[in-house]
Amino acid sequence: MSRFLNVLRSWLVMVSVIAAGNTLQSFRDHGFLSEKLYTGSPALVNGLQARTFGIWTLLSSVIRCLCAIDIRNQTLYYITLFTFFLALVHFLSEVFIYHTAALTIGVMAPLMVASFSILGMLIGLQYLEVEALSENKKKN
């Protein structure tokens, strides 16, 4: 496996662990969502919204961790890539469409993680294609 794919796998595990921590925080105290993320409309953040956010984050965490384990699984790879697109669109829409979030460090962090992850995974696709081609040549 290429060095890049190993780095990508480590990145996915790290992002997954951080997301799991955010999930716990969402269930423990929903105040952090209104203080760190949805600062534009903190009154809209309640326990139900925080738990829903937590479940969404947990699902993303599990998908990303599974992709790190089985990075050659093409379906899982694309689903994982899609989770980062969803996160990016979600936070951008909260900032620029709904105005429930501001461009604070709390929002910039997930925007940067999603952007870097999308870029890394798109580059990773090239490495996976090269590996698949070399595997096919070995078989023939």
N, C-alpha and C. Protein backbone atom coordinates (compact mmCIF):
# COMPACT_ATOMS: atom_id res chain seq x y z
N MET A 1 0.85 -1.17 0.00
CA MET A 1 0.00 0.00 0.00
C MET A 1 0.90 1.24 0.00
N SER A 2 0.47 2.24 -0.73
CA SER A 2 1.28 3.45 -0.84
C SER A 2 1.33 4.20 0.49
N ARG A 3 2.36 4.98 0.62
CA ARG A 3 2.53 5.79 1.83
C ARG A 3 1.36 6.76 1.98
N PHE A 4 0.91 7.34 0.86
CA PHE A 4 -0.20 8.30 0.92
C PHE A 4 -1.45 7.65 1.48
N LEU A 5 -1.77 6.44 1.03
CA LEU A 5 -2.97 5.76 1.53
C LEU A 5 -2.83 5.43 3.01
N ASN A 6 -1.63 5.11 3.47
CA ASN A 6 -1.43 4.88 4.90
C ASN A 6 -1.65 6.16 5.71
N VAL A 7 -1.18 7.27 5.17
CA VAL A 7 -1.41 8.56 5.84
C VAL A 7 -2.90 8.88 5.85
N LEU A 8 -3.57 8.64 4.72
CA LEU A 8 -5.01 8.88 4.64
C LEU A 8 -5.76 8.01 5.64
N ARG A 9 -5.36 6.77 5.77
CA ARG A 9 -6.00 5.88 6.75
C ARG A 9 -5.82 6.42 8.17
N SER A 10 -4.62 6.89 8.49
CA SER A 10 -4.37 7.46 9.81
C SER A 10 -5.21 8.72 10.03
N TRP A 11 -5.31 9.53 9.00
CA TRP A 11 -6.14 10.75 9.07
C TRP A 11 -7.59 10.38 9.35
N LEU A 12 -8.10 9.38 8.65
CA LEU A 12 -9.49 8.98 8.85
C LEU A 12 -9.73 8.46 10.26
N VAL A 13 -8.78 7.72 10.81
CA VAL A 13 -8.91 7.24 12.18
C VAL A 13 -8.92 8.42 13.15
N MET A 14 -8.01 9.37 12.94
CA MET A 14 -7.93 10.53 13.83
C MET A 14 -9.24 11.33 13.78
N VAL A 15 -9.74 11.57 12.58
CA VAL A 15 -10.99 12.32 12.42
C VAL A 15 -12.15 11.55 13.05
N SER A 16 -12.11 10.24 12.92
CA SER A 16 -13.15 9.40 13.51
C SER A 16 -13.15 9.48 15.03
N VAL A 17 -11.99 9.44 15.63
CA VAL A 17 -11.88 9.51 17.09
C VAL A 17 -12.35 10.87 17.60
N ILE A 18 -11.97 11.93 16.89
CA ILE A 18 -12.41 13.27 17.28
C ILE A 18 -13.93 13.38 17.18
N ALA A 19 -14.49 12.81 16.12
CA ALA A 19 -15.95 12.84 15.95
C ALA A 19 -16.65 12.07 17.07
N ALA A 20 -16.06 10.95 17.48
CA ALA A 20 -16.64 10.19 18.59
C ALA A 20 -16.64 11.04 19.87
N GLY A 21 -15.58 11.80 20.07
CA GLY A 21 -15.53 12.71 21.22
C GLY A 21 -16.60 13.79 21.13
N ASN A 22 -16.81 14.31 19.93
CA ASN A 22 -17.87 15.32 19.73
C ASN A 22 -19.25 14.71 19.99
N THR A 23 -19.40 13.44 19.66
CA THR A 23 -20.67 12.76 19.93
C THR A 23 -20.94 12.72 21.43
N LEU A 24 -19.92 12.32 22.19
CA LEU A 24 -20.09 12.28 23.64
C LEU A 24 -20.43 13.65 24.20
N GLN A 25 -19.76 14.66 23.68
CA GLN A 25 -20.03 16.04 24.14
C GLN A 25 -21.47 16.45 23.82
N SER A 26 -21.97 16.04 22.66
CA SER A 26 -23.35 16.39 22.28
C SER A 26 -24.36 15.77 23.22
N PHE A 27 -24.08 14.57 23.70
CA PHE A 27 -25.01 13.92 24.62
C PHE A 27 -24.85 14.42 26.05
N ARG A 28 -23.64 14.83 26.40
CA ARG A 28 -23.36 15.26 27.77
C ARG A 28 -23.90 16.65 28.05
N ASP A 29 -23.64 17.59 27.13
CA ASP A 29 -24.03 18.99 27.36
C ASP A 29 -24.23 19.67 26.01
N HIS A 30 -25.46 20.03 25.71
CA HIS A 30 -25.72 20.66 24.41
C HIS A 30 -25.26 22.12 24.36
N GLY A 31 -24.82 22.64 25.47
CA GLY A 31 -24.36 24.03 25.50
C GLY A 31 -23.17 24.29 24.59
N PHE A 32 -22.33 23.28 24.39
CA PHE A 32 -21.16 23.51 23.55
C PHE A 32 -21.56 23.79 22.10
N LEU A 33 -22.68 23.23 21.65
CA LEU A 33 -23.13 23.50 20.28
C LEU A 33 -23.51 24.97 20.10
N SER A 34 -24.18 25.52 21.10
CA SER A 34 -24.58 26.93 20.99
C SER A 34 -23.41 27.87 21.25
N GLU A 35 -22.41 27.40 22.01
CA GLU A 35 -21.25 28.25 22.31
C GLU A 35 -20.17 28.18 21.25
N LYS A 36 -20.02 27.03 20.58
CA LYS A 36 -18.92 26.83 19.63
C LYS A 36 -19.35 26.80 18.17
N LEU A 37 -20.53 26.25 17.89
CA LEU A 37 -20.92 26.07 16.49
C LEU A 37 -22.04 27.02 16.06
N TYR A 38 -23.17 26.90 16.69
CA TYR A 38 -24.35 27.65 16.24
C TYR A 38 -24.50 28.95 17.02
N THR A 39 -23.46 29.77 16.94
CA THR A 39 -23.43 31.02 17.71
C THR A 39 -24.35 32.08 17.12
N GLY A 40 -24.77 31.92 15.88
CA GLY A 40 -25.67 32.90 15.27
C GLY A 40 -27.08 32.83 15.83
N SER A 41 -27.51 31.65 16.25
CA SER A 41 -28.84 31.45 16.83
C SER A 41 -28.76 30.43 17.96
N PRO A 42 -28.10 30.79 19.04
CA PRO A 42 -27.93 29.80 20.12
C PRO A 42 -29.24 29.35 20.76
N ALA A 43 -30.28 30.16 20.67
CA ALA A 43 -31.56 29.80 21.28
C ALA A 43 -32.20 28.61 20.56
N LEU A 44 -31.80 28.37 19.31
CA LEU A 44 -32.36 27.25 18.56
C LEU A 44 -31.76 25.90 18.97
N VAL A 45 -30.66 25.94 19.68
CA VAL A 45 -30.00 24.69 20.09
C VAL A 45 -30.66 24.18 21.36
N ASN A 46 -31.16 22.96 21.30
CA ASN A 46 -31.74 22.33 22.47
C ASN A 46 -31.21 20.90 22.59
N GLY A 47 -31.63 20.21 23.59
CA GLY A 47 -31.15 18.86 23.82
C GLY A 47 -31.44 17.91 22.68
N LEU A 48 -32.63 18.00 22.11
CA LEU A 48 -33.00 17.12 21.00
C LEU A 48 -32.10 17.38 19.79
N GLN A 49 -31.89 18.64 19.47
CA GLN A 49 -31.03 18.98 18.34
C GLN A 49 -29.61 18.51 18.59
N ALA A 50 -29.13 18.64 19.80
CA ALA A 50 -27.77 18.21 20.14
C ALA A 50 -27.63 16.70 20.02
N ARG A 51 -28.63 15.95 20.47
CA ARG A 51 -28.56 14.49 20.37
C ARG A 51 -28.64 14.05 18.91
N THR A 52 -29.45 14.72 18.11
CA THR A 52 -29.51 14.41 16.68
C THR A 52 -28.18 14.69 16.02
N PHE A 53 -27.58 15.81 16.35
CA PHE A 53 -26.25 16.14 15.86
C PHE A 53 -25.24 15.07 16.30
N GLY A 54 -25.37 14.63 17.54
CA GLY A 54 -24.47 13.61 18.07
C GLY A 54 -24.59 12.28 17.33
N ILE A 55 -25.81 11.87 17.02
CA ILE A 55 -26.02 10.62 16.28
C ILE A 55 -25.46 10.74 14.87
N TRP A 56 -25.69 11.86 14.22
CA TRP A 56 -25.14 12.11 12.88
C TRP A 56 -23.61 12.06 12.93
N THR A 57 -23.04 12.66 13.94
CA THR A 57 -21.58 12.67 14.08
C THR A 57 -21.06 11.26 14.38
N LEU A 58 -21.77 10.51 15.20
CA LEU A 58 -21.37 9.14 15.50
C LEU A 58 -21.41 8.27 14.24
N LEU A 59 -22.46 8.40 13.45
CA LEU A 59 -22.57 7.64 12.21
C LEU A 59 -21.40 7.97 11.28
N SER A 60 -21.09 9.25 11.15
CA SER A 60 -19.95 9.65 10.33
C SER A 60 -18.65 9.07 10.87
N SER A 61 -18.51 9.07 12.18
CA SER A 61 -17.32 8.53 12.82
C SER A 61 -17.15 7.04 12.50
N VAL A 62 -18.21 6.28 12.62
CA VAL A 62 -18.16 4.84 12.35
C VAL A 62 -17.82 4.58 10.88
N ILE A 63 -18.45 5.30 9.98
CA ILE A 63 -18.19 5.12 8.55
C ILE A 63 -16.74 5.43 8.23
N ARG A 64 -16.22 6.51 8.77
CA ARG A 64 -14.83 6.91 8.49
C ARG A 64 -13.84 5.91 9.07
N CYS A 65 -14.12 5.38 10.25
CA CYS A 65 -13.24 4.38 10.85
C CYS A 65 -13.26 3.09 10.02
N LEU A 66 -14.43 2.67 9.58
CA LEU A 66 -14.52 1.47 8.76
C LEU A 66 -13.78 1.64 7.43
N CYS A 67 -13.84 2.83 6.87
CA CYS A 67 -13.11 3.10 5.64
C CYS A 67 -11.60 3.02 5.88
N ALA A 68 -11.16 3.51 7.01
CA ALA A 68 -9.73 3.43 7.33
C ALA A 68 -9.29 1.97 7.44
N ILE A 69 -10.14 1.13 7.97
CA ILE A 69 -9.83 -0.29 8.11
C ILE A 69 -9.81 -0.97 6.74
N ASP A 70 -10.79 -0.65 5.90
CA ASP A 70 -10.92 -1.31 4.59
C ASP A 70 -10.93 -0.25 3.49
N ILE A 71 -9.81 0.42 3.32
CA ILE A 71 -9.75 1.58 2.42
C ILE A 71 -9.92 1.19 0.95
N ARG A 72 -9.73 -0.08 0.62
CA ARG A 72 -9.88 -0.53 -0.77
C ARG A 72 -11.33 -0.85 -1.14
N ASN A 73 -12.23 -0.81 -0.17
CA ASN A 73 -13.65 -1.06 -0.43
C ASN A 73 -14.22 0.19 -1.11
N GLN A 74 -14.45 0.07 -2.41
CA GLN A 74 -14.82 1.24 -3.21
C GLN A 74 -16.14 1.87 -2.75
N THR A 75 -17.13 1.05 -2.44
CA THR A 75 -18.42 1.58 -2.00
C THR A 75 -18.26 2.35 -0.69
N LEU A 76 -17.56 1.75 0.25
CA LEU A 76 -17.33 2.40 1.54
C LEU A 76 -16.51 3.68 1.38
N TYR A 77 -15.56 3.64 0.46
CA TYR A 77 -14.72 4.81 0.20
C TYR A 77 -15.58 6.00 -0.28
N TYR A 78 -16.48 5.73 -1.22
CA TYR A 78 -17.33 6.80 -1.73
C TYR A 78 -18.34 7.28 -0.69
N ILE A 79 -18.85 6.38 0.12
CA ILE A 79 -19.77 6.79 1.20
C ILE A 79 -19.03 7.70 2.18
N THR A 80 -17.79 7.32 2.50
CA THR A 80 -16.98 8.13 3.42
C THR A 80 -16.72 9.51 2.83
N LEU A 81 -16.36 9.54 1.56
CA LEU A 81 -16.15 10.83 0.88
C LEU A 81 -17.42 11.67 0.95
N PHE A 82 -18.57 11.03 0.75
CA PHE A 82 -19.84 11.74 0.80
C PHE A 82 -20.11 12.32 2.19
N THR A 83 -19.66 11.62 3.27
CA THR A 83 -19.87 12.18 4.61
C THR A 83 -19.16 13.52 4.78
N PHE A 84 -17.99 13.64 4.16
CA PHE A 84 -17.26 14.91 4.24
C PHE A 84 -17.95 16.00 3.42
N PHE A 85 -18.50 15.63 2.25
CA PHE A 85 -19.27 16.60 1.46
C PHE A 85 -20.49 17.07 2.24
N LEU A 86 -21.18 16.14 2.89
CA LEU A 86 -22.35 16.51 3.70
C LEU A 86 -21.97 17.48 4.81
N ALA A 87 -20.88 17.19 5.51
CA ALA A 87 -20.44 18.07 6.59
C ALA A 87 -20.10 19.45 6.05
N LEU A 88 -19.38 19.50 4.94
CA LEU A 88 -19.00 20.78 4.34
C LEU A 88 -20.23 21.59 3.95
N VAL A 89 -21.17 20.96 3.28
CA VAL A 89 -22.40 21.65 2.86
C VAL A 89 -23.21 22.08 4.06
N HIS A 90 -23.28 21.22 5.07
CA HIS A 90 -24.05 21.58 6.27
C HIS A 90 -23.51 22.84 6.93
N PHE A 91 -22.21 22.86 7.20
CA PHE A 91 -21.65 24.01 7.91
C PHE A 91 -21.64 25.26 7.04
N LEU A 92 -21.38 25.13 5.75
CA LEU A 92 -21.44 26.30 4.87
C LEU A 92 -22.86 26.86 4.80
N SER A 93 -23.85 25.98 4.74
CA SER A 93 -25.23 26.47 4.69
C SER A 93 -25.64 27.12 6.01
N GLU A 94 -25.17 26.59 7.13
CA GLU A 94 -25.50 27.21 8.41
C GLU A 94 -24.88 28.61 8.52
N VAL A 95 -23.71 28.79 7.92
CA VAL A 95 -23.06 30.11 7.97
C VAL A 95 -23.68 31.06 6.96
N PHE A 96 -23.79 30.64 5.71
CA PHE A 96 -24.12 31.58 4.64
C PHE A 96 -25.59 31.62 4.23
N ILE A 97 -26.35 30.59 4.53
CA ILE A 97 -27.77 30.58 4.16
C ILE A 97 -28.66 30.83 5.37
N TYR A 98 -28.48 30.02 6.40
CA TYR A 98 -29.36 30.11 7.57
C TYR A 98 -28.88 31.08 8.64
N HIS A 99 -27.61 31.45 8.59
CA HIS A 99 -27.02 32.41 9.54
C HIS A 99 -27.15 31.97 11.00
N THR A 100 -27.14 30.65 11.22
CA THR A 100 -27.18 30.14 12.59
C THR A 100 -25.77 29.93 13.14
N ALA A 101 -24.77 30.04 12.27
CA ALA A 101 -23.38 29.88 12.69
C ALA A 101 -22.56 31.02 12.10
N ALA A 102 -21.48 31.35 12.78
CA ALA A 102 -20.56 32.39 12.30
C ALA A 102 -19.22 31.73 12.02
N LEU A 103 -18.38 32.39 11.25
CA LEU A 103 -17.07 31.84 10.92
C LEU A 103 -16.10 32.01 12.08
N THR A 104 -16.39 31.28 13.16
CA THR A 104 -15.52 31.24 14.33
C THR A 104 -14.62 30.01 14.20
N ILE A 105 -13.70 29.85 15.12
CA ILE A 105 -12.82 28.68 15.09
C ILE A 105 -13.62 27.39 15.23
N GLY A 106 -14.72 27.46 15.97
CA GLY A 106 -15.57 26.28 16.15
C GLY A 106 -16.19 25.79 14.86
N VAL A 107 -16.43 26.68 13.91
CA VAL A 107 -16.99 26.32 12.61
C VAL A 107 -15.88 26.13 11.59
N MET A 108 -14.83 26.94 11.69
CA MET A 108 -13.73 26.82 10.73
C MET A 108 -13.05 25.45 10.84
N ALA A 109 -12.96 24.89 12.03
CA ALA A 109 -12.30 23.60 12.21
C ALA A 109 -12.99 22.50 11.40
N PRO A 110 -14.31 22.30 11.55
CA PRO A 110 -14.94 21.25 10.73
C PRO A 110 -14.93 21.58 9.24
N LEU A 111 -14.97 22.86 8.89
CA LEU A 111 -14.88 23.22 7.48
C LEU A 111 -13.52 22.84 6.91
N MET A 112 -12.48 23.09 7.67
CA MET A 112 -11.12 22.74 7.21
C MET A 112 -10.94 21.22 7.17
N VAL A 113 -11.41 20.53 8.19
CA VAL A 113 -11.29 19.07 8.21
C VAL A 113 -12.03 18.47 7.02
N ALA A 114 -13.24 18.92 6.77
CA ALA A 114 -14.00 18.40 5.64
C ALA A 114 -13.31 18.70 4.32
N SER A 115 -12.81 19.93 4.17
CA SER A 115 -12.14 20.31 2.92
C SER A 115 -10.87 19.51 2.69
N PHE A 116 -10.02 19.41 3.71
CA PHE A 116 -8.78 18.64 3.59
C PHE A 116 -9.07 17.17 3.34
N SER A 117 -10.10 16.66 3.98
CA SER A 117 -10.46 15.25 3.82
C SER A 117 -10.97 14.97 2.41
N ILE A 118 -11.78 15.86 1.89
CA ILE A 118 -12.27 15.70 0.51
C ILE A 118 -11.08 15.70 -0.45
N LEU A 119 -10.20 16.66 -0.29
CA LEU A 119 -9.02 16.73 -1.15
C LEU A 119 -8.18 15.46 -1.02
N GLY A 120 -7.90 15.05 0.19
CA GLY A 120 -7.11 13.85 0.42
C GLY A 120 -7.75 12.61 -0.16
N MET A 121 -9.05 12.49 0.00
CA MET A 121 -9.73 11.31 -0.52
C MET A 121 -9.80 11.32 -2.04
N LEU A 122 -9.92 12.49 -2.64
CA LEU A 122 -9.90 12.57 -4.10
C LEU A 122 -8.52 12.18 -4.64
N ILE A 123 -7.48 12.62 -3.97
CA ILE A 123 -6.12 12.22 -4.35
C ILE A 123 -5.95 10.72 -4.11
N GLY A 124 -6.48 10.23 -3.00
CA GLY A 124 -6.40 8.81 -2.68
C GLY A 124 -7.03 7.93 -3.74
N LEU A 125 -8.07 8.43 -4.39
CA LEU A 125 -8.69 7.66 -5.48
C LEU A 125 -7.67 7.33 -6.57
N GLN A 126 -6.79 8.28 -6.87
CA GLN A 126 -5.77 8.04 -7.89
C GLN A 126 -4.83 6.91 -7.47
N TYR A 127 -4.43 6.91 -6.21
CA TYR A 127 -3.55 5.85 -5.70
C TYR A 127 -4.26 4.50 -5.72
N LEU A 128 -5.53 4.48 -5.40
CA LEU A 128 -6.28 3.22 -5.42
C LEU A 128 -6.39 2.68 -6.85
N GLU A 129 -6.58 3.58 -7.81
CA GLU A 129 -6.66 3.16 -9.21
C GLU A 129 -5.33 2.59 -9.68
N VAL A 130 -4.23 3.22 -9.30
CA VAL A 130 -2.90 2.72 -9.68
C VAL A 130 -2.67 1.34 -9.06
N GLU A 131 -3.04 1.16 -7.81
CA GLU A 131 -2.89 -0.14 -7.15
C GLU A 131 -3.73 -1.20 -7.85
N ALA A 132 -4.96 -0.83 -8.21
CA ALA A 132 -5.83 -1.79 -8.90
C ALA A 132 -5.26 -2.18 -10.25
N LEU A 133 -4.70 -1.23 -10.97
CA LEU A 133 -4.09 -1.54 -12.27
C LEU A 133 -2.88 -2.45 -12.11
N SER A 134 -2.05 -2.19 -11.11
CA SER A 134 -0.87 -3.03 -10.91
C SER A 134 -1.28 -4.44 -10.46
N GLU A 135 -2.37 -4.56 -9.70
CA GLU A 135 -2.88 -5.88 -9.30
C GLU A 135 -3.35 -6.66 -10.53
N ASN A 136 -4.04 -5.96 -11.44
CA ASN A 136 -4.52 -6.60 -12.66
C ASN A 136 -3.36 -7.06 -13.54
N LYS A 137 -2.29 -6.29 -13.61
CA LYS A 137 -1.13 -6.67 -14.40
C LYS A 137 -0.45 -7.89 -13.80
N LYS A 138 -0.41 -7.98 -12.47
CA LYS A 138 0.20 -9.14 -11.81
C LYS A 138 -0.60 -10.41 -12.09
N LYS A 139 -1.93 -10.28 -12.14
CA LYS A 139 -2.78 -11.44 -12.38
C LYS A 139 -2.65 -11.94 -13.82
N ASN A 140 -2.40 -11.02 -14.75
CA ASN A 140 -2.30 -11.40 -16.17
C ASN A 140 -0.90 -11.77 -16.44
